[in-house]
Protein backbone atom coordinates (compact mmCIF):
# COMPACT_ATOMS: atom_id res chain seq x y z
CA MET A 1 -15.08 -6.72 -10.03
CA LYS A 2 -12.12 -4.62 -11.21
CA SER A 3 -11.73 -1.26 -9.76
CA GLU A 4 -10.19 1.88 -11.23
CA VAL A 5 -7.42 3.26 -8.96
CA CYS A 6 -5.06 5.92 -8.90
CA LEU A 7 -1.98 6.03 -6.93
CA THR A 8 -1.09 9.52 -5.27
CA LYS A 9 2.34 9.78 -4.10
CA LEU A 10 2.06 11.42 -0.43
CA SER A 11 4.18 14.34 0.21
CA VAL A 12 3.60 16.30 3.44
CA ILE A 13 3.15 19.41 1.58
CA ASP A 14 0.15 18.20 -0.34
CA ASP A 15 -2.74 19.32 2.03
CA GLU A 16 -5.62 18.03 -0.18
CA ALA A 17 -4.15 14.54 -0.87
CA LEU A 18 -3.55 14.11 2.96
CA GLU A 19 -7.05 15.09 3.97
CA ARG A 20 -8.07 12.54 1.69
CA ALA A 21 -5.96 9.68 3.08
CA ALA A 22 -5.93 10.50 6.85
CA LEU A 23 -8.84 8.48 7.46
CA ALA A 24 -7.23 5.56 5.51
CA HIS A 25 -4.33 5.85 7.86
CA SER A 26 -6.35 5.97 11.15
CA GLU A 27 -7.97 3.09 9.99
CA SER A 28 -4.87 0.73 9.05
CA VAL A 29 -2.96 2.03 12.27
CA LEU A 30 -5.72 2.30 15.03
CA GLY A 31 -8.09 0.21 13.59
CA CYS A 32 -10.78 3.16 14.17
CA GLU A 33 -12.34 5.62 11.97
CA PHE A 34 -10.85 8.85 12.53
CA THR A 35 -9.25 10.94 15.50
CA ASP A 36 -8.04 14.72 15.81
CA SER A 37 -4.70 14.12 15.06
CA ALA A 38 -5.20 11.99 12.25
CA LYS A 39 -3.62 14.30 9.56
CA LYS A 40 -0.60 15.23 11.70
CA ASP A 41 0.06 11.42 12.28
CA LEU A 42 0.10 10.75 8.61
CA ILE A 43 2.21 13.73 8.24
CA GLU A 44 4.84 12.11 10.59
CA TYR A 45 4.57 8.32 8.99
CA VAL A 46 5.12 10.07 5.28
CA LYS A 47 8.00 12.04 6.83
CA GLY A 48 9.27 8.81 8.64
CA MET A 49 9.20 6.57 5.90
CA ASN A 50 10.69 9.18 3.45
CA ASN A 51 13.40 10.38 5.30
CA TYR A 52 14.48 7.36 7.24
CA TYR A 53 13.58 4.53 5.08
CA GLY A 54 13.61 6.14 1.77
CA SER A 55 10.39 4.66 0.87
CA ASP A 56 7.05 6.12 -1.04
CA VAL A 57 3.75 6.20 0.83
CA PHE A 58 0.69 6.17 -1.70
CA ALA A 59 -2.83 6.64 -1.44
CA ILE A 60 -4.92 4.48 -3.13
CA ASP A 61 -7.33 6.85 -4.71
CA THR A 62 -10.85 5.14 -6.48
CA SER A 63 -12.92 6.93 -9.25
CA GLY A 64 -16.09 8.33 -7.85
CA GLU A 65 -14.95 8.26 -4.06
CA GLU A 66 -14.33 11.27 -2.13
CA LEU A 67 -11.60 9.74 0.63
CA SER A 68 -8.75 7.42 -0.46
CA SER A 69 -9.53 3.62 -0.12
CA GLY A 70 -6.22 2.71 1.13
CA LEU A 71 -2.44 3.35 1.45
CA MET A 72 0.45 1.55 0.22
CA THR A 73 4.22 2.11 1.26
CA VAL A 74 6.60 0.79 -1.55
CA CYS A 75 10.65 0.91 -1.56
CA SER A 76 12.55 0.32 -4.57
CA ASN A 77 16.05 -0.89 -4.28
CA GLY A 78 17.34 0.22 -7.66
CA ASP A 79 18.06 -3.35 -9.35
CA GLY A 80 14.54 -3.81 -10.67
CA GLU A 81 12.73 -5.38 -7.82
CA ILE A 82 10.42 -3.30 -5.49
CA THR A 83 9.30 -4.10 -1.99
CA ILE A 84 5.70 -3.26 -0.75
CA GLU A 85 6.30 -2.52 2.89
CA ASP A 86 2.69 -1.96 3.80
CA LEU A 87 -0.65 -2.19 1.77
CA PHE A 88 -3.79 -1.44 3.27
CA VAL A 89 -7.40 -1.44 2.03
CA ARG A 90 -10.30 0.28 4.29
CA GLU A 91 -12.50 -2.27 5.54
CA VAL A 92 -15.59 -0.23 3.43
CA ALA A 93 -13.68 -0.59 0.34
CA ARG A 94 -12.56 -4.26 0.22
CA LYS A 95 -13.43 -7.19 -2.06
CA ARG A 96 -13.82 -4.72 -4.85
CA GLY A 97 -10.28 -5.37 -6.50
CA ILE A 98 -8.72 -2.33 -5.29
CA GLY A 99 -5.61 -3.73 -3.54
CA ARG A 100 -4.99 -5.84 -6.82
CA ALA A 101 -5.50 -2.72 -9.12
CA ALA A 102 -3.29 -0.73 -6.45
CA ILE A 103 -0.36 -3.78 -7.03
CA GLU A 104 -0.57 -3.33 -10.75
CA ALA A 105 -0.42 0.20 -10.80
CA LEU A 106 2.81 0.12 -9.14
CA ALA A 107 4.30 -0.86 -12.86
CA SER A 108 3.52 3.11 -13.87
CA GLU A 109 5.25 4.54 -10.92
CA TYR A 110 8.31 2.15 -10.82
CA PRO A 111 8.88 1.61 -14.72
CA ASP A 112 12.13 -0.06 -14.45
CA ALA A 113 11.01 -2.71 -11.78
CA ARG A 114 10.77 -6.08 -13.07
CA ALA A 115 9.32 -7.63 -9.98
CA VAL A 116 7.48 -6.83 -6.48
CA LYS A 117 7.75 -8.63 -3.14
CA LEU A 118 6.25 -8.32 0.03
CA TYR A 119 6.08 -10.11 3.56
CA SER A 120 2.60 -10.95 4.23
CA LEU A 121 0.61 -11.89 7.38
CA LYS A 122 -1.13 -15.37 7.48
CA SER A 123 -4.46 -13.78 7.08
CA ALA A 124 -3.66 -11.97 4.02
CA GLU A 125 -1.60 -15.10 2.06
CA GLU A 126 -4.82 -16.54 0.10
CA PHE A 127 -5.48 -12.97 -1.36
CA TYR A 128 -1.46 -12.85 -2.69
CA GLN A 129 -1.79 -16.41 -3.80
CA ARG A 130 -4.96 -15.57 -5.77
CA ILE A 131 -3.61 -12.40 -7.59
CA GLY A 132 -0.49 -14.47 -9.00
CA PHE A 133 2.25 -14.00 -6.12
CA ASP A 134 4.46 -17.07 -5.28
CA GLN A 135 5.44 -17.65 -2.02
CA ILE A 136 9.39 -17.75 -1.33
CA SER A 137 9.02 -18.70 1.85
CA PRO A 138 6.51 -19.64 4.40
CA SER A 139 5.55 -17.92 7.60
CA THR A 140 6.90 -19.26 10.65
CA LYS A 141 6.23 -18.00 14.60
CA ARG A 142 9.06 -15.44 14.23
CA CYS A 143 8.86 -14.43 10.56
CA LEU A 144 6.03 -13.32 8.15
CA SER A 145 6.01 -15.04 4.86
CA LEU A 146 7.74 -13.99 1.94
CA TRP A 147 5.90 -13.63 -1.78
CA ARG A 148 6.95 -12.28 -5.08
CA LYS A 149 5.50 -11.53 -8.45
CA GLU A 150 6.63 -10.70 -12.05
CA LEU A 151 5.45 -7.47 -13.43
CA ASP A 152 4.12 -7.61 -16.73
């Protein structure tokens, strides 16, 4: 099943987008539905990723859904390669092609990018392999596996 997604670059002044994405952030960080400080926590995360790491945080929005289906944090090093630092799809939205569609949507956000790389938990390796990533280095007890994919 292929889902239609839209990436919304989060800004600390975009209350509407932050409200939609707060639940996804709570679920990804805390593993729970929602906390009273969810939006505040998300704002602090966006500030930190933007200012300290120079990364963009995107809400993964799907058509027909009121709340964001997930979050993705991405860094561009300017040499034609982008790095997905974090990709999270809410549990209720999984198995609908949202993660794959979100990765494909990066090409329009970073038109100069020719490749995407990411580090993966062992539990997600099958997913990345299935959607066309090549493993560059396997995971070890101390390190996540490294994956890379050429963009179309």
